[in-house]
Amino acid sequence: MVMLSVGAGFSNPLQAQETGGAAPMRIDTHIHLYDTERPGSSVFLDPVKHKKIYYPHLEKDFLDIASPAGLDFAVVVEASKRREDNFWLMDIVNQSSSLLAFIANLDPRDEHYIGDLDRLSANKKFRGIRIRPDQPIDLGDDLVLEKLGELAKRGLVLELRENAGPLAAIENIAKHYPDMPIIIDHMGGGKISQGKIVPSTWNNRLQKLAAIPNVYIKISMLYTLSGQNPAPTQPSFYREFIDQVVKAFGPKRVLYGSNWTLSEMRGSYADLVHIYDRYLEEQSVLTAYDLYYGNAIQAYGLRVE
């Protein structure tokens, strides 16, 4: 049975013990659910560009493709920018034993921010926010910094998109709220272009992010970041890319995330998981326990009983 703790991730020790590097359960920490038949709820998708995935994608659809690949659990990240869709997602997750947690999309500058946090926080599966507002946001703004403190007060997580803001702003947030986990999405802003990892400044940014002890990173969105469609399925294509993240953050602060459903635009879920599994087999630093399970439990503050 999976229970959610009420505090931040690293204030709660794992109750499940690591045995031989195997993961007792495997968690995808980055999926999106949506219903294109709900008017206005899927504006983050272009019906032409994303025609392949422009239809309802709910829990069963995820499990149908993920379970055969060995993943039966997930954290859902809200991609819609509408307030009401956070509560729609909350209801979906509440009815599930496989959806362990959800991350809402709230704007700290919004007049409803505190009220929405309070309402969502009444639900133990609510674990934090990812900021994806309609209008650009300055993470270095004093008011934004103050409002992010409301997450820390509630033992919640701040999740940031790969290029969410300048490094100095993220460092400042982490300094002010050292007990609040900060999770950086999608490799922290790097990608592969014509077989090379770009931009040239990416590794330096990784090193500086990794120097902040309460920052985690998702090894996620690999298919999109491959720069190819269909994406390569050879594990060797991604090895150096993943290596740099693992070398910077170490084995205890990296999380697996597929970015499903968008991953389906460039390849299959089974092939994607195979890339990660082969990577794990070919090195000895990162274990399946950490990548698929332990780090997700710790970062999101999940308690296993």
Protein backbone atom coordinates (compact mmCIF):
# COMPACT_ATOMS: atom_id res chain seq x y z
CA MET A 1 0.00 0.00 0.00
CA VAL A 2 1.34 3.46 -0.84
CA MET A 3 0.70 6.29 1.61
CA LEU A 4 1.67 9.91 1.16
CA SER A 5 3.57 11.72 3.88
CA VAL A 6 2.48 15.16 4.94
CA GLY A 7 5.98 16.59 4.93
CA ALA A 8 8.73 17.34 2.46
CA GLY A 9 10.60 14.48 0.86
CA PHE A 10 13.88 14.40 2.69
CA SER A 11 12.35 14.94 6.14
CA ASN A 12 10.86 11.45 5.95
CA PRO A 13 13.04 8.32 5.85
CA LEU A 14 12.11 5.60 3.42
CA GLN A 15 10.26 2.79 5.11
CA ALA A 16 10.96 0.33 2.31
CA GLN A 17 14.52 -0.94 2.38
CA GLU A 18 16.77 -1.28 -0.64
CA THR A 19 17.57 -4.87 -1.54
CA GLY A 20 20.07 -5.65 -4.22
CA GLY A 21 19.36 -2.55 -6.27
CA ALA A 22 15.97 -3.80 -7.51
CA ALA A 23 12.95 -1.51 -7.37
CA PRO A 24 10.00 -2.94 -5.39
CA MET A 25 7.74 -0.83 -7.60
CA ARG A 26 8.58 1.38 -10.57
CA ILE A 27 7.26 4.92 -10.77
CA ASP A 28 7.04 7.19 -13.81
CA THR A 29 7.35 10.68 -12.31
CA HIS A 30 6.24 12.62 -15.36
CA ILE A 31 3.03 11.85 -17.21
CA HIS A 32 0.16 14.03 -18.42
CA LEU A 33 -3.53 13.15 -18.40
CA TYR A 34 -6.16 15.09 -20.31
CA ASP A 35 -9.53 14.82 -21.97
CA THR A 36 -9.69 16.57 -25.33
CA GLU A 37 -13.47 16.34 -25.17
CA ARG A 38 -13.52 18.84 -22.30
CA PRO A 39 -13.62 22.22 -24.07
CA GLY A 40 -10.57 24.37 -23.40
CA SER A 41 -8.77 21.84 -21.25
CA SER A 42 -6.15 20.76 -23.80
CA VAL A 43 -4.97 24.05 -25.25
CA PHE A 44 -1.37 23.01 -24.59
CA LEU A 45 -1.79 20.60 -27.50
CA ASP A 46 -2.16 21.62 -31.12
CA PRO A 47 -4.86 19.47 -32.76
CA VAL A 48 -2.88 19.40 -36.01
CA LYS A 49 0.70 19.16 -34.74
CA HIS A 50 -0.30 16.69 -32.02
CA LYS A 51 -2.94 14.82 -34.02
CA LYS A 52 -1.38 11.49 -33.07
CA ILE A 53 -2.16 12.05 -29.38
CA TYR A 54 -5.08 14.47 -29.67
CA TYR A 55 -7.72 12.33 -28.01
CA PRO A 56 -8.50 11.57 -24.34
CA HIS A 57 -5.59 10.07 -22.42
CA LEU A 58 -6.51 8.88 -18.95
CA GLU A 59 -5.18 6.44 -16.37
CA LYS A 60 -6.22 3.28 -18.20
CA ASP A 61 -4.50 4.46 -21.39
CA PHE A 62 -1.27 4.97 -19.47
CA LEU A 63 -1.42 1.61 -17.73
CA ASP A 64 -2.22 -0.17 -20.98
CA ILE A 65 1.17 0.82 -22.38
CA ALA A 66 3.24 1.20 -19.19
CA SER A 67 2.30 -1.98 -17.32
CA PRO A 68 3.71 -4.30 -20.02
CA ALA A 69 6.96 -2.32 -19.69
CA GLY A 70 7.02 -2.88 -15.93
CA LEU A 71 5.64 0.42 -14.65
CA ASP A 72 2.36 0.45 -12.74
CA PHE A 73 2.64 3.75 -10.87
CA ALA A 74 2.98 7.41 -11.80
CA VAL A 75 3.11 11.02 -10.71
CA VAL A 76 0.86 13.20 -12.88
CA VAL A 77 1.94 16.73 -13.81
CA GLU A 78 -0.82 19.13 -14.83
CA ALA A 79 -0.02 20.75 -18.18
CA SER A 80 -3.13 22.89 -18.56
CA LYS A 81 -2.92 26.54 -17.55
CA ARG A 82 -6.53 26.69 -16.32
CA ARG A 83 -7.13 26.70 -12.57
CA GLU A 84 -10.11 24.37 -12.75
CA ASP A 85 -8.12 21.64 -14.46
CA ASN A 86 -6.04 21.19 -11.31
CA PHE A 87 -9.17 20.11 -9.47
CA TRP A 88 -10.29 17.89 -12.33
CA LEU A 89 -6.92 16.14 -12.09
CA MET A 90 -7.22 15.91 -8.31
CA ASP A 91 -10.46 13.98 -8.66
CA ILE A 92 -8.93 11.62 -11.24
CA VAL A 93 -5.90 10.89 -9.06
CA ASN A 94 -8.04 10.41 -5.95
CA GLN A 95 -9.87 7.53 -7.57
CA SER A 96 -6.66 5.71 -8.49
CA SER A 97 -4.32 3.35 -6.68
CA SER A 98 -1.73 3.66 -9.46
CA LEU A 99 -1.51 7.46 -9.62
CA LEU A 100 0.50 8.17 -6.49
CA ALA A 101 0.61 11.95 -6.61
CA PHE A 102 -0.10 14.99 -8.72
CA ILE A 103 1.60 18.31 -9.33
CA ALA A 104 -0.67 21.28 -9.99
CA ASN A 105 0.00 24.29 -12.18
CA LEU A 106 -0.47 27.39 -10.02
CA ASP A 107 0.80 30.92 -10.55
CA PRO A 108 2.14 32.40 -7.27
CA ARG A 109 1.05 35.86 -8.45
CA ASP A 110 -2.58 34.82 -8.89
CA GLU A 111 -5.14 36.15 -6.40
CA HIS A 112 -6.46 32.61 -5.89
CA TYR A 113 -3.02 31.11 -5.21
CA ILE A 114 -3.28 30.73 -1.42
CA GLY A 115 -6.88 29.54 -1.54
CA ASP A 116 -6.06 27.00 -4.23
CA LEU A 117 -3.07 25.75 -2.25
CA ASP A 118 -5.25 25.32 0.83
CA ARG A 119 -7.93 23.46 -1.10
CA LEU A 120 -5.45 21.20 -2.86
CA SER A 121 -3.40 20.61 0.29
CA ALA A 122 -6.39 18.97 1.93
CA ASN A 123 -5.62 16.11 -0.44
CA LYS A 124 -2.59 14.00 0.51
CA LYS A 125 -1.86 13.12 -3.10
CA PHE A 126 -1.20 16.78 -3.87
CA ARG A 127 2.56 17.17 -3.64
CA GLY A 128 3.34 20.59 -5.08
CA ILE A 129 3.26 22.86 -8.10
CA ARG A 130 4.97 23.33 -11.40
CA ILE A 131 4.86 26.94 -12.55
CA ARG A 132 3.65 27.20 -16.14
CA PRO A 133 1.74 30.50 -16.31
CA ASP A 134 0.06 32.33 -19.16
CA GLN A 135 2.41 35.28 -18.68
CA PRO A 136 6.19 35.08 -18.13
CA ILE A 137 7.21 34.99 -14.50
CA ASP A 138 10.35 36.32 -12.83
CA LEU A 139 11.47 33.74 -10.29
CA GLY A 140 13.79 36.36 -8.82
CA ASP A 141 10.92 38.68 -7.92
CA ASP A 142 10.61 39.25 -4.16
CA LEU A 143 6.84 38.69 -4.15
CA VAL A 144 7.21 35.42 -6.06
CA LEU A 145 9.92 34.32 -3.63
CA GLU A 146 7.65 35.08 -0.69
CA LYS A 147 4.70 33.21 -2.19
CA LEU A 148 6.85 30.15 -2.90
CA GLY A 149 7.40 30.02 0.84
CA GLU A 150 3.79 28.86 1.10
CA LEU A 151 4.93 25.58 -0.48
CA ALA A 152 7.66 25.16 2.11
CA LYS A 153 5.18 25.83 4.94
CA ARG A 154 2.98 23.02 3.67
CA GLY A 155 5.79 20.53 3.06
CA LEU A 156 5.29 20.68 -0.70
CA VAL A 157 7.55 20.47 -3.73
CA LEU A 158 8.45 23.13 -6.30
CA GLU A 159 8.84 21.67 -9.77
CA LEU A 160 10.42 23.78 -12.50
CA ARG A 161 10.55 23.35 -16.24
CA GLU A 162 13.97 22.80 -17.71
CA ASN A 163 14.50 26.48 -18.60
CA ALA A 164 12.21 28.02 -16.00
CA GLY A 165 14.51 30.82 -14.95
CA PRO A 166 18.06 32.01 -14.37
CA LEU A 167 20.29 29.90 -12.19
CA ALA A 168 20.70 32.71 -9.66
CA ALA A 169 16.95 32.80 -9.03
CA ILE A 170 16.80 29.03 -8.44
CA GLU A 171 19.80 29.26 -6.11
CA ASN A 172 18.07 32.03 -4.18
CA ILE A 173 14.83 30.06 -3.82
CA ALA A 174 16.77 27.03 -2.58
CA LYS A 175 18.72 29.18 -0.12
CA HIS A 176 15.54 30.65 1.35
CA TYR A 177 13.76 27.29 1.57
CA PRO A 178 16.46 24.64 2.08
CA ASP A 179 13.96 22.01 3.25
CA MET A 180 11.76 22.35 0.15
CA PRO A 181 12.57 19.87 -2.61
CA ILE A 182 13.04 21.54 -6.00
CA ILE A 183 12.69 19.24 -9.00
CA ILE A 184 14.08 20.32 -12.37
CA ASP A 185 12.37 18.76 -15.38
CA HIS A 186 13.70 17.29 -18.60
CA MET A 187 17.49 17.10 -18.18
CA GLY A 188 17.79 20.70 -17.05
CA GLY A 189 17.76 22.26 -20.49
CA GLY A 190 20.14 20.13 -22.51
CA LYS A 191 19.31 18.36 -25.75
CA ILE A 192 20.90 16.47 -28.61
CA SER A 193 21.25 18.20 -31.95
CA GLN A 194 22.88 16.47 -34.92
CA GLY A 195 24.44 13.96 -32.56
CA LYS A 196 25.94 16.58 -30.23
CA ILE A 197 24.80 17.68 -26.78
CA VAL A 198 23.86 21.36 -26.74
CA PRO A 199 24.04 24.09 -25.59
CA SER A 200 27.71 24.23 -24.68
CA THR A 201 26.78 25.86 -21.35
CA TRP A 202 24.49 23.00 -20.32
CA ASN A 203 27.00 20.95 -18.33
CA ASN A 204 28.10 24.00 -16.36
CA ARG A 205 24.46 24.72 -15.49
CA LEU A 206 24.05 21.09 -14.42
CA GLN A 207 27.04 21.31 -12.12
CA LYS A 208 25.73 24.46 -10.45
CA LEU A 209 22.24 23.06 -10.03
CA ALA A 210 23.68 19.86 -8.60
CA ALA A 211 25.64 21.87 -6.04
CA ILE A 212 22.30 22.83 -4.43
CA PRO A 213 21.52 19.98 -2.03
CA ASN A 214 17.71 20.20 -2.21
CA VAL A 215 17.56 20.11 -6.02
CA TYR A 216 16.60 16.95 -7.90
CA ILE A 217 16.47 16.45 -11.67
CA LYS A 218 14.37 14.32 -13.99
CA ILE A 219 16.02 12.20 -16.64
CA SER A 220 12.98 12.73 -18.79
CA MET A 221 11.67 13.71 -22.22
CA LEU A 222 14.49 11.79 -23.91
CA TYR A 223 12.57 11.18 -27.13
CA THR A 224 11.86 14.88 -27.70
CA LEU A 225 15.38 15.89 -26.68
CA SER A 226 16.86 13.43 -29.17
CA GLY A 227 16.09 15.93 -31.92
CA GLN A 228 14.82 13.14 -34.17
CA ASN A 229 11.42 11.78 -35.13
CA PRO A 230 11.11 8.89 -34.77
CA ALA A 231 13.54 9.03 -31.87
CA PRO A 232 16.48 6.64 -31.82
CA THR A 233 15.89 3.53 -29.73
CA GLN A 234 19.54 2.52 -29.38
CA PRO A 235 20.55 3.04 -25.73
CA SER A 236 24.04 4.08 -26.82
CA PHE A 237 22.61 7.20 -28.48
CA TYR A 238 21.61 8.61 -25.08
CA ARG A 239 24.37 7.26 -22.86
CA GLU A 240 26.63 10.33 -22.72
CA PHE A 241 23.59 12.58 -22.29
CA ILE A 242 22.37 10.60 -19.28
CA ASP A 243 25.92 10.13 -17.97
CA GLN A 244 26.42 13.86 -17.58
CA VAL A 245 23.29 14.20 -15.47
CA VAL A 246 24.17 11.23 -13.26
CA LYS A 247 27.77 12.41 -12.84
CA ALA A 248 26.58 15.86 -11.79
CA PHE A 249 23.75 14.87 -9.44
CA GLY A 250 24.90 11.45 -8.30
CA PRO A 251 22.64 8.40 -8.00
CA LYS A 252 20.33 9.74 -5.27
CA ARG A 253 18.84 12.84 -6.93
CA VAL A 254 17.77 11.68 -10.39
CA LEU A 255 14.25 10.57 -11.30
CA TYR A 256 12.77 8.63 -14.21
CA GLY A 257 10.10 10.40 -16.26
CA SER A 258 8.68 9.53 -19.66
CA ASN A 259 6.80 12.74 -20.51
CA TRP A 260 3.93 10.56 -21.70
CA THR A 261 1.77 11.29 -23.71
CA LEU A 262 4.12 13.53 -25.67
CA SER A 263 6.65 10.71 -25.75
CA GLU A 264 4.23 8.82 -27.99
CA MET A 265 4.80 11.40 -30.72
CA ARG A 266 8.28 9.96 -31.36
CA GLY A 267 8.31 6.38 -30.17
CA SER A 268 6.84 3.65 -28.01
CA TYR A 269 6.81 3.51 -24.24
CA ALA A 270 8.31 0.01 -24.24
CA ASP A 271 11.31 1.14 -26.30
CA LEU A 272 11.77 4.14 -24.02
CA VAL A 273 11.90 2.02 -20.87
CA HIS A 274 14.31 -0.34 -22.63
CA ILE A 275 16.71 2.59 -23.11
CA TYR A 276 16.75 3.24 -19.35
CA ASP A 277 16.98 -0.43 -18.43
CA ARG A 278 19.95 -0.98 -20.72
CA TYR A 279 21.64 2.12 -19.34
CA LEU A 280 21.25 0.72 -15.82
CA GLU A 281 22.69 -2.63 -16.90
CA GLU A 282 25.77 -1.06 -18.48
CA GLN A 283 26.96 0.99 -15.50
CA SER A 284 27.28 0.48 -11.75
CA VAL A 285 26.59 3.90 -10.22
CA LEU A 286 22.83 4.26 -10.64
CA THR A 287 20.50 1.43 -9.60
CA ALA A 288 16.97 0.63 -10.71
CA TYR A 289 15.94 1.07 -7.07
CA ASP A 290 17.07 4.69 -7.08
CA LEU A 291 15.99 5.69 -10.57
CA TYR A 292 12.54 4.12 -10.62
CA TYR A 293 11.64 4.15 -6.95
CA GLY A 294 13.73 5.45 -4.06
CA ASN A 295 14.50 8.89 -5.43
CA ALA A 296 10.87 9.49 -6.40
CA ILE A 297 9.72 8.47 -2.92
CA GLN A 298 12.24 10.82 -1.35
CA ALA A 299 11.79 13.83 -3.63
CA TYR A 300 8.00 13.84 -3.60
CA GLY A 301 7.63 12.88 0.04
CA LEU A 302 5.82 9.60 -0.51
CA ARG A 303 5.69 7.17 2.39
CA VAL A 304 5.55 3.45 1.74
CA GLU A 305 3.92 1.18 4.30
